[in-house]
Amino acid sequence: MSKSIKLAILGLGTVGTGVLDLLKDNLKELKRRSGHDIVITQVGTRRQRDDIDPTIKQNSDLMAIAESDDVDIVVEVIGGMTVAKEVIIHAIKNGKHVVTANKALLAEHGNEIFALAEEHNVHVAYEAAVAGGIPIIKVLREALAANKIDWLTGIINGTGNFIMSEMRDKGRDFDDVLAEAQELGYAEADPTFDVEGIDAAHKLALLASIAFGIPLQFDKVYSEGITKITLQDVTYAEELGYRIKHLGFAVRRYDEQESDATDKKLTGIELRVHPTLIPEDKLLANVNGVKNAVLVNSHPLGQTLYYGDGAGAGATASAVMADVMDLIRVLTVKDGHHVPHLAFMPNQLSDTPVLAADQMITGYYLRLEAKDTPGVLADVTRILSDAGINIDAILQKPAHQKGQVPIIILTLPVIENQMNSAINKIEALEAITSDVVRIRLHELD
């Protein structure tokens, strides 16, 4: 039997307005898919708007909306950590289902919020919190539920990807591209969250928990931004057959000493965000502009790639309404149930440790500036060899006018603390004239 599902939208910025527009444009299709009417009864806004349907109540009191009898689902798109958290908790305690796009809030307080939702038998849906319109949360929680996920990586911040793409394609400097990204609205006036990897780290914390069945642990995600990437490094990477992308990685790490490949002991999980050299022929290397993409390696399926718009009114509204459609099924099906918030049953989350940053394993791109004197390269390669680091490729460029020789070295994967020790010794050489530039490298195989 058809019934009306009543929504409240908290926040009428880009995303909230996008949800209103989507409902207006696609309402017939949504009703056909759900079998029910979907009605927006209230919107939370600080100032009255003349372009809103007069049948929708405009209210600045968000707490009153969250407890209102004419609201079944609260859509939180105001952002931030304080008011958003308070109103979501208030909605949950009043028996409302919640849809949110707030990745920062969930990454840092999701364990508390999800536990409260379980206690009150409601659901918090958050597809729009990661990768915009790409349904990666649903893929990990549902489509890949029969698979064991070994690792995932992705371009999960469109601003950073736009900057790296422009530097490579047009030979532009970082500061120049960042200024344009701000003019275009891709980057905020304070772009720290985007260019320092914090936004990507919030999203990675969510993806890792769903993929591996671990509690949310944003504080253990290693994060490195793109502010130190130079056009010089972008060019050298191209010469060696690689492209630099700002990636998030979530990786199961096993004891490599175990002889039985099918029953290796899980030692921990790597959670890291950083610039990465990847082979230029990989699909992920060819995701450009503000697009997002997530590559998942699982057993038995293997590698699958999910690509699309990672932000914007249309993409985010699409994800928000996909969550609303799922919640309608929970509300209208007898004894309806939902997929667990983090894909695994709450009492089955694992205590597998997140490894410290100095224990992660990757290959490396190293760029050295050395005096044009004999024996320098031999000294450097000896230090790497003594540290147990295998060299994959070396590129030596002509000397600058100041007599400095750029040397680029690619290494095979090694534990980070071994590389730290080797770099300290290389920088101590008299012939090395500046700090070693290090960028991690992954073959994605």
Protein backbone atom coordinates (compact mmCIF):
# COMPACT_ATOMS: atom_id res chain seq x y z
CA MET A 1 0.00 0.00 0.00
CA SER A 2 1.40 3.39 -1.02
CA LYS A 3 2.24 5.93 1.67
CA SER A 4 3.91 9.32 1.75
CA ILE A 5 7.53 9.45 2.91
CA LYS A 6 8.28 12.81 4.50
CA LEU A 7 11.70 14.41 4.18
CA ALA A 8 13.38 17.34 5.87
CA ILE A 9 16.44 18.89 4.23
CA LEU A 10 18.79 20.68 6.60
CA GLY A 11 20.85 23.17 4.63
CA LEU A 12 20.04 24.84 1.32
CA GLY A 13 23.49 25.35 -0.09
CA THR A 14 24.73 23.74 -3.30
CA VAL A 15 23.85 20.18 -2.25
CA GLY A 16 20.55 20.93 -0.52
CA THR A 17 19.34 22.92 -3.51
CA GLY A 18 20.52 20.07 -5.76
CA VAL A 19 18.34 17.62 -3.82
CA LEU A 20 15.33 19.93 -4.18
CA ASP A 21 15.93 20.22 -7.93
CA LEU A 22 16.40 16.47 -8.36
CA LEU A 23 13.13 15.73 -6.60
CA LYS A 24 11.30 18.28 -8.74
CA ASP A 25 12.78 16.90 -11.98
CA ASN A 26 12.62 13.15 -11.25
CA LEU A 27 9.69 12.78 -8.85
CA LYS A 28 7.65 10.53 -11.15
CA GLU A 29 10.61 8.21 -11.69
CA LEU A 30 11.34 8.08 -7.96
CA LYS A 31 7.73 7.18 -7.22
CA ARG A 32 7.79 4.42 -9.85
CA ARG A 33 10.94 2.97 -8.29
CA SER A 34 9.86 3.21 -4.66
CA GLY A 35 6.10 2.73 -4.96
CA HIS A 36 5.55 5.68 -2.62
CA ASP A 37 5.12 9.42 -2.68
CA ILE A 38 8.14 11.41 -1.51
CA VAL A 39 7.29 14.77 0.03
CA ILE A 40 9.60 17.45 1.40
CA THR A 41 7.77 18.84 4.42
CA GLN A 42 10.45 21.10 5.89
CA VAL A 43 13.77 22.70 5.04
CA GLY A 44 16.27 24.06 7.52
CA THR A 45 17.54 27.45 6.42
CA ARG A 46 18.75 30.58 8.16
CA ARG A 47 16.98 32.93 5.78
CA GLN A 48 13.65 32.64 3.99
CA ARG A 49 13.81 31.94 0.25
CA ASP A 50 11.18 33.04 -2.23
CA ASP A 51 11.99 30.28 -4.74
CA ILE A 52 10.92 27.43 -2.42
CA ASP A 53 7.54 25.72 -2.91
CA PRO A 54 5.18 27.45 -0.43
CA THR A 55 3.90 24.06 0.76
CA ILE A 56 7.35 23.40 2.25
CA LYS A 57 7.89 24.90 5.70
CA GLN A 58 11.11 26.92 6.04
CA ASN A 59 12.49 26.73 9.56
CA SER A 60 15.71 28.00 11.15
CA ASP A 61 15.23 25.79 14.24
CA LEU A 62 17.04 22.60 13.16
CA MET A 63 16.39 20.79 16.44
CA ALA A 64 12.65 21.35 16.08
CA ILE A 65 12.77 19.89 12.57
CA ALA A 66 14.69 16.84 13.85
CA GLU A 67 11.92 15.98 16.30
CA SER A 68 8.94 16.96 14.16
CA ASP A 69 6.11 14.46 13.65
CA ASP A 70 5.89 15.29 9.92
CA VAL A 71 9.44 14.09 9.20
CA ASP A 72 10.49 10.47 8.56
CA ILE A 73 13.98 11.07 7.14
CA VAL A 74 16.35 13.93 7.99
CA VAL A 75 18.81 14.88 5.20
CA GLU A 76 21.78 16.70 6.73
CA VAL A 77 23.78 18.74 4.21
CA ILE A 78 24.86 21.68 6.35
CA GLY A 79 28.40 20.33 6.88
CA GLY A 80 30.73 21.12 9.75
CA MET A 81 31.33 19.21 12.94
CA THR A 82 29.35 20.92 15.71
CA VAL A 83 25.78 21.78 14.72
CA ALA A 84 25.63 18.85 12.29
CA LYS A 85 26.61 16.37 15.00
CA GLU A 86 24.11 17.80 17.47
CA VAL A 87 21.20 17.71 15.04
CA ILE A 88 22.01 14.19 13.77
CA ILE A 89 22.16 12.84 17.33
CA HIS A 90 18.89 14.64 18.16
CA ALA A 91 17.23 13.16 15.07
CA ILE A 92 18.40 9.65 15.93
CA LYS A 93 17.13 9.94 19.50
CA ASN A 94 13.77 10.99 18.07
CA GLY A 95 13.58 7.89 15.89
CA LYS A 96 14.42 9.53 12.56
CA HIS A 97 16.51 7.95 9.84
CA VAL A 98 19.35 10.20 8.67
CA VAL A 99 21.04 10.79 5.33
CA THR A 100 24.29 12.78 5.44
CA ALA A 101 27.09 13.82 3.10
CA ASN A 102 29.32 14.81 6.04
CA LYS A 103 32.49 12.71 5.63
CA ALA A 104 34.51 14.67 8.20
CA LEU A 105 31.87 14.18 10.89
CA LEU A 106 31.50 10.45 10.21
CA ALA A 107 35.24 9.82 9.93
CA GLU A 108 35.88 11.40 13.31
CA HIS A 109 32.63 10.61 15.21
CA GLY A 110 31.01 7.85 13.17
CA ASN A 111 31.63 5.10 15.71
CA GLU A 112 29.56 7.01 18.27
CA ILE A 113 26.86 8.01 15.77
CA PHE A 114 26.44 4.51 14.31
CA ALA A 115 26.28 2.92 17.78
CA LEU A 116 23.55 5.36 18.76
CA ALA A 117 21.63 4.59 15.56
CA GLU A 118 21.78 0.85 16.31
CA GLU A 119 20.52 1.53 19.82
CA HIS A 120 17.51 3.46 18.49
CA ASN A 121 16.88 1.08 15.58
CA VAL A 122 17.35 3.71 12.87
CA HIS A 123 19.83 4.00 10.05
CA VAL A 124 22.41 6.62 9.06
CA ALA A 125 23.08 6.51 5.30
CA TYR A 126 26.12 8.26 3.83
CA GLU A 127 26.70 7.35 0.17
CA ALA A 128 27.27 11.03 -0.67
CA ALA A 129 30.11 11.32 1.87
CA VAL A 130 32.64 9.60 -0.41
CA ALA A 131 33.28 10.20 -4.13
CA GLY A 132 30.08 12.16 -4.82
CA GLY A 133 27.91 10.39 -7.37
CA ILE A 134 30.04 7.22 -7.57
CA PRO A 135 28.14 4.54 -5.59
CA ILE A 136 31.29 3.21 -3.94
CA ILE A 137 29.74 2.77 -0.47
CA LYS A 138 26.97 0.59 -1.89
CA VAL A 139 29.49 -1.35 -3.98
CA LEU A 140 31.67 -2.17 -0.98
CA ARG A 141 28.78 -2.93 1.38
CA GLU A 142 26.58 -4.87 -1.02
CA ALA A 143 27.88 -5.68 -4.51
CA LEU A 144 31.24 -6.95 -3.19
CA ALA A 145 29.84 -8.53 -0.02
CA ALA A 146 30.90 -12.02 -1.16
CA ASN A 147 34.48 -10.89 -1.78
CA LYS A 148 37.47 -10.47 0.48
CA ILE A 149 38.95 -7.05 -0.25
CA ASP A 150 42.74 -7.07 -0.19
CA TRP A 151 43.33 -3.42 -1.04
CA LEU A 152 41.73 -0.38 -2.53
CA THR A 153 43.11 2.89 -3.78
CA GLY A 154 41.59 5.93 -5.34
CA ILE A 155 41.50 9.53 -6.44
CA ILE A 156 38.99 10.73 -3.87
CA ASN A 157 39.59 14.48 -3.91
CA GLY A 158 38.71 16.26 -7.14
CA THR A 159 40.56 19.49 -6.30
CA GLY A 160 43.89 17.71 -5.90
CA ASN A 161 43.32 15.74 -9.08
CA PHE A 162 42.52 18.91 -11.02
CA ILE A 163 45.77 20.48 -9.85
CA MET A 164 47.90 17.44 -10.71
CA SER A 165 46.20 17.10 -14.13
CA GLU A 166 46.81 20.74 -15.04
CA MET A 167 50.46 20.56 -13.95
CA ARG A 168 51.05 17.53 -16.18
CA ASP A 169 48.95 18.52 -19.21
CA LYS A 170 49.82 22.23 -19.40
CA GLY A 171 53.16 22.50 -17.62
CA ARG A 172 51.78 24.86 -14.99
CA ASP A 173 53.14 25.45 -11.48
CA PHE A 174 51.23 24.35 -8.38
CA ASP A 175 50.47 27.87 -7.07
CA ASP A 176 49.14 28.98 -10.46
CA VAL A 177 46.74 26.03 -10.77
CA LEU A 178 45.59 26.34 -7.15
CA ALA A 179 44.62 29.97 -7.76
CA GLU A 180 42.52 28.92 -10.76
CA ALA A 181 40.91 26.08 -8.76
CA GLN A 182 39.83 28.66 -6.18
CA GLU A 183 38.42 30.94 -8.90
CA LEU A 184 36.45 28.02 -10.38
CA GLY A 185 35.06 27.04 -6.98
CA TYR A 186 36.88 23.69 -6.88
CA ALA A 187 38.99 24.81 -3.90
CA GLU A 188 37.98 26.83 -0.85
CA ALA A 189 39.58 30.14 0.09
CA ASP A 190 41.47 28.04 2.66
CA PRO A 191 42.36 24.96 0.57
CA THR A 192 44.16 23.09 3.36
CA PHE A 193 41.73 20.17 3.58
CA ASP A 194 42.06 19.50 -0.15
CA VAL A 195 45.76 20.09 -0.86
CA GLU A 196 47.09 18.57 2.38
CA GLY A 197 45.09 15.36 2.00
CA ILE A 198 42.78 15.80 5.01
CA ASP A 199 39.59 15.55 2.96
CA ALA A 200 40.87 12.39 1.26
CA ALA A 201 41.89 10.95 4.64
CA HIS A 202 38.36 11.40 5.98
CA LYS A 203 36.98 9.49 3.00
CA LEU A 204 39.65 6.79 3.21
CA ALA A 205 38.82 6.13 6.86
CA LEU A 206 35.23 5.37 5.82
CA LEU A 207 36.22 3.19 2.86
CA ALA A 208 38.69 1.17 4.94
CA SER A 209 36.18 0.44 7.68
CA ILE A 210 33.63 -0.83 5.17
CA ALA A 211 36.21 -2.82 3.20
CA PHE A 212 37.90 -4.52 6.16
CA GLY A 213 35.31 -4.47 8.95
CA ILE A 214 37.31 -2.31 11.37
CA PRO A 215 36.18 0.64 13.51
CA LEU A 216 36.64 4.10 12.05
CA GLN A 217 40.15 5.33 12.84
CA PHE A 218 40.75 8.65 11.08
CA ASP A 219 43.48 9.59 13.55
CA LYS A 220 45.62 6.69 12.27
CA VAL A 221 45.49 7.64 8.59
CA TYR A 222 48.88 8.86 7.33
CA SER A 223 48.27 11.98 5.27
CA GLU A 224 50.61 13.85 2.94
CA GLY A 225 49.54 16.62 0.57
CA ILE A 226 50.59 17.82 -2.87
CA THR A 227 52.00 21.24 -1.99
CA LYS A 228 55.61 20.08 -2.42
CA ILE A 229 55.11 18.48 -5.85
CA THR A 230 57.03 20.44 -8.49
CA LEU A 231 56.65 20.62 -12.24
CA GLN A 232 60.15 19.14 -12.37
CA ASP A 233 58.99 15.96 -10.63
CA VAL A 234 55.89 15.70 -12.85
CA THR A 235 58.14 15.90 -15.93
CA TYR A 236 60.68 13.34 -14.69
CA ALA A 237 57.89 10.92 -13.76
CA GLU A 238 56.55 11.20 -17.32
CA GLU A 239 59.99 10.41 -18.76
CA LEU A 240 60.07 7.23 -16.68
CA GLY A 241 56.59 6.13 -17.81
CA TYR A 242 54.65 7.23 -14.71
CA ARG A 243 52.14 9.86 -13.69
CA ILE A 244 51.79 11.43 -10.26
CA LYS A 245 48.35 11.15 -8.67
CA HIS A 246 47.19 12.04 -5.16
CA LEU A 247 45.87 8.71 -3.90
CA GLY A 248 44.41 7.16 -0.81
CA PHE A 249 45.41 3.55 -0.03
CA ALA A 250 43.81 1.00 2.31
CA VAL A 251 45.82 -2.23 2.27
CA ARG A 252 45.72 -5.50 4.19
CA ARG A 253 49.30 -6.41 5.11
CA TYR A 254 50.30 -10.03 5.55
CA ASP A 255 53.37 -11.72 6.99
CA GLU A 256 55.49 -12.17 3.86
CA GLN A 257 57.64 -14.77 5.62
CA GLU A 258 54.77 -17.25 5.67
CA SER A 259 55.40 -19.99 3.11
CA ASP A 260 51.75 -20.89 2.56
CA ALA A 261 50.41 -18.15 0.30
CA THR A 262 46.79 -19.15 0.95
CA ASP A 263 46.99 -18.85 4.72
CA LYS A 264 49.27 -15.91 5.44
CA LYS A 265 48.91 -14.18 8.79
CA LEU A 266 47.32 -10.73 8.66
CA THR A 267 49.72 -8.37 10.44
CA GLY A 268 47.89 -5.07 10.06
CA ILE A 269 46.30 -2.51 7.78
CA GLU A 270 47.92 0.42 6.01
CA LEU A 271 45.88 3.61 5.77
CA ARG A 272 47.70 6.32 3.82
CA VAL A 273 47.08 9.31 1.58
CA HIS A 274 49.97 10.72 -0.45
CA PRO A 275 51.19 11.65 -3.95
CA THR A 276 52.01 8.45 -5.84
CA LEU A 277 53.73 7.53 -9.08
CA ILE A 278 51.62 5.01 -11.00
CA PRO A 279 52.24 3.54 -14.48
CA GLU A 280 50.91 5.81 -17.22
CA ASP A 281 49.04 2.96 -18.92
CA LYS A 282 46.84 2.21 -15.90
CA LEU A 283 43.24 3.41 -16.09
CA LEU A 284 43.62 5.26 -12.79
CA ALA A 285 46.52 7.27 -14.26
CA ASN A 286 44.16 8.61 -16.93
CA VAL A 287 41.50 9.95 -14.59
CA ASN A 288 41.86 13.70 -15.01
CA GLY A 289 40.32 17.01 -13.99
CA VAL A 290 37.95 16.97 -11.02
CA LYS A 291 36.85 13.37 -11.62
CA ASN A 292 37.14 10.72 -8.89
CA ALA A 293 37.89 7.01 -9.24
CA VAL A 294 38.30 4.09 -6.85
CA LEU A 295 40.14 0.87 -7.74
CA VAL A 296 39.26 -2.18 -5.63
CA ASN A 297 41.24 -5.44 -5.60
CA SER A 298 39.18 -8.28 -4.15
CA HIS A 299 39.03 -12.08 -4.16
CA PRO A 300 37.72 -13.78 -6.20
CA LEU A 301 36.57 -10.90 -8.44
CA GLY A 302 39.94 -9.21 -8.98
CA GLN A 303 40.32 -5.54 -9.87
CA THR A 304 37.29 -3.31 -10.51
CA LEU A 305 37.30 0.45 -11.14
CA TYR A 306 34.55 2.93 -10.24
CA TYR A 307 34.67 6.33 -11.95
CA GLY A 308 32.63 9.52 -12.10
CA ASP A 309 31.92 12.95 -10.68
CA GLY A 310 33.19 13.24 -7.13
CA ALA A 311 31.44 16.49 -6.24
CA GLY A 312 28.88 19.02 -7.43
CA ALA A 313 25.18 19.54 -6.89
CA GLY A 314 23.98 16.88 -9.32
CA ALA A 315 26.41 14.13 -8.33
CA THR A 316 25.97 14.62 -4.59
CA ALA A 317 22.18 14.98 -4.83
CA SER A 318 22.09 11.73 -6.79
CA ALA A 319 23.90 9.93 -3.96
CA VAL A 320 21.72 11.54 -1.30
CA MET A 321 18.53 10.42 -3.05
CA ALA A 322 19.91 6.91 -3.55
CA ASP A 323 20.19 6.73 0.24
CA VAL A 324 16.67 8.08 0.65
CA MET A 325 15.38 5.35 -1.68
CA ASP A 326 17.12 2.67 0.40
CA LEU A 327 15.61 4.08 3.59
CA ILE A 328 12.14 4.12 2.06
CA ARG A 329 12.44 0.35 1.69
CA VAL A 330 13.42 0.08 5.36
CA LEU A 331 10.44 2.23 6.35
CA THR A 332 7.84 0.53 4.18
CA VAL A 333 8.74 -3.15 4.17
CA LYS A 334 7.40 -5.23 7.03
CA ASP A 335 10.26 -6.25 9.33
CA GLY A 336 12.52 -4.21 7.05
CA HIS A 337 16.21 -4.38 7.79
CA HIS A 338 19.22 -2.49 6.56
CA VAL A 339 22.78 -3.32 5.64
CA PRO A 340 25.05 -2.74 8.69
CA HIS A 341 26.50 0.77 8.79
CA LEU A 342 30.07 -0.42 8.24
CA ALA A 343 29.08 -3.48 6.16
CA PHE A 344 29.91 -5.98 8.95
CA MET A 345 27.69 -6.76 11.94
CA PRO A 346 28.58 -4.33 14.76
CA ASN A 347 29.75 -7.13 17.05
CA GLN A 348 31.95 -8.54 14.29
CA LEU A 349 34.23 -5.54 13.71
CA SER A 350 37.88 -6.59 13.83
CA ASP A 351 40.59 -5.23 16.12
CA THR A 352 43.23 -5.67 13.40
CA PRO A 353 45.76 -2.87 14.08
CA VAL A 354 46.38 0.03 11.74
CA LEU A 355 50.12 0.05 11.10
CA ALA A 356 52.30 3.04 11.94
CA ALA A 357 53.47 5.16 9.00
CA ASP A 358 57.05 3.91 9.22
CA GLN A 359 55.82 0.34 8.65
CA MET A 360 54.08 0.90 5.32
CA ILE A 361 55.59 -0.72 2.24
CA THR A 362 55.82 1.06 -1.13
CA GLY A 363 58.22 1.68 -3.94
CA TYR A 364 59.85 5.11 -4.13
CA TYR A 365 60.81 7.88 -6.52
CA LEU A 366 63.85 9.72 -5.15
CA ARG A 367 65.21 12.96 -6.62
CA LEU A 368 68.64 14.11 -5.52
CA GLU A 369 70.61 17.25 -6.32
CA ALA A 370 74.34 16.46 -6.29
CA LYS A 371 77.61 18.21 -7.05
CA ASP A 372 79.04 17.25 -10.44
CA THR A 373 81.85 15.17 -8.96
CA PRO A 374 82.98 11.55 -9.56
CA GLY A 375 81.69 8.76 -7.32
CA VAL A 376 78.51 10.42 -6.07
CA LEU A 377 76.16 7.93 -7.70
CA ALA A 378 78.26 5.03 -6.44
CA ASP A 379 78.01 6.34 -2.87
CA VAL A 380 74.24 6.71 -3.14
CA THR A 381 73.66 3.24 -4.61
CA ARG A 382 75.91 1.71 -1.94
CA ILE A 383 73.82 3.29 0.84
CA LEU A 384 70.62 1.97 -0.71
CA SER A 385 72.12 -1.49 -1.15
CA ASP A 386 73.37 -1.59 2.45
CA ALA A 387 69.82 -0.72 3.59
CA GLY A 388 68.40 -3.66 1.60
CA ILE A 389 66.74 -1.39 -0.96
CA ASN A 390 66.63 -2.63 -4.56
CA ILE A 391 66.91 -0.08 -7.37
CA ASP A 392 64.51 -0.42 -10.30
CA ALA A 393 65.68 2.48 -12.50
CA ILE A 394 68.11 5.43 -12.50
CA LEU A 395 67.82 8.63 -14.52
CA GLN A 396 70.71 11.10 -14.46
CA LYS A 397 70.06 14.50 -16.03
CA PRO A 398 72.59 17.03 -17.41
CA ALA A 399 74.19 19.37 -14.88
CA HIS A 400 72.56 22.75 -14.20
CA GLN A 401 74.49 25.97 -14.71
CA LYS A 402 75.32 25.91 -10.99
CA GLY A 403 77.03 22.55 -11.40
CA GLN A 404 74.20 20.58 -9.78
CA VAL A 405 73.27 17.21 -11.26
CA PRO A 406 69.68 15.93 -10.80
CA ILE A 407 69.61 12.17 -10.14
CA ILE A 408 66.30 10.30 -10.14
CA ILE A 409 66.08 6.80 -8.67
CA LEU A 410 63.12 4.43 -8.64
CA THR A 411 63.17 1.64 -6.04
CA LEU A 412 61.26 -1.58 -5.54
CA PRO A 413 58.90 -1.76 -2.53
CA VAL A 414 60.54 -1.43 0.88
CA ILE A 415 59.46 -0.73 4.47
CA GLU A 416 59.34 3.01 5.11
CA ASN A 417 61.69 3.00 8.09
CA GLN A 418 64.42 1.42 5.97
CA MET A 419 63.99 4.20 3.44
CA ASN A 420 64.02 6.85 6.17
CA SER A 421 67.37 5.58 7.42
CA ALA A 422 68.86 5.46 3.91
CA ILE A 423 67.68 8.98 3.05
CA ASN A 424 69.26 10.35 6.22
CA LYS A 425 72.60 8.83 5.18
CA ILE A 426 72.29 10.09 1.59
CA GLU A 427 71.54 13.63 2.77
CA ALA A 428 74.65 13.48 4.98
CA LEU A 429 76.91 12.98 1.93
CA GLU A 430 79.00 16.08 1.21
CA ALA A 431 78.12 15.94 -2.49
CA ILE A 432 74.33 16.07 -1.86
CA THR A 433 73.30 19.73 -1.86
CA SER A 434 69.63 19.65 -0.81
CA ASP A 435 67.02 17.45 0.87
CA VAL A 436 66.06 14.31 -1.02
CA VAL A 437 62.64 14.57 -2.66
CA ARG A 438 60.67 11.39 -2.06
CA ILE A 439 57.38 10.38 -3.73
CA ARG A 440 55.91 6.93 -3.19
CA LEU A 441 55.38 4.58 -6.12
CA HIS A 442 52.84 1.81 -6.74
CA GLU A 443 52.49 -0.47 -9.76
CA LEU A 444 48.81 -1.25 -8.95
CA ASP A 445 49.30 -4.93 -9.81
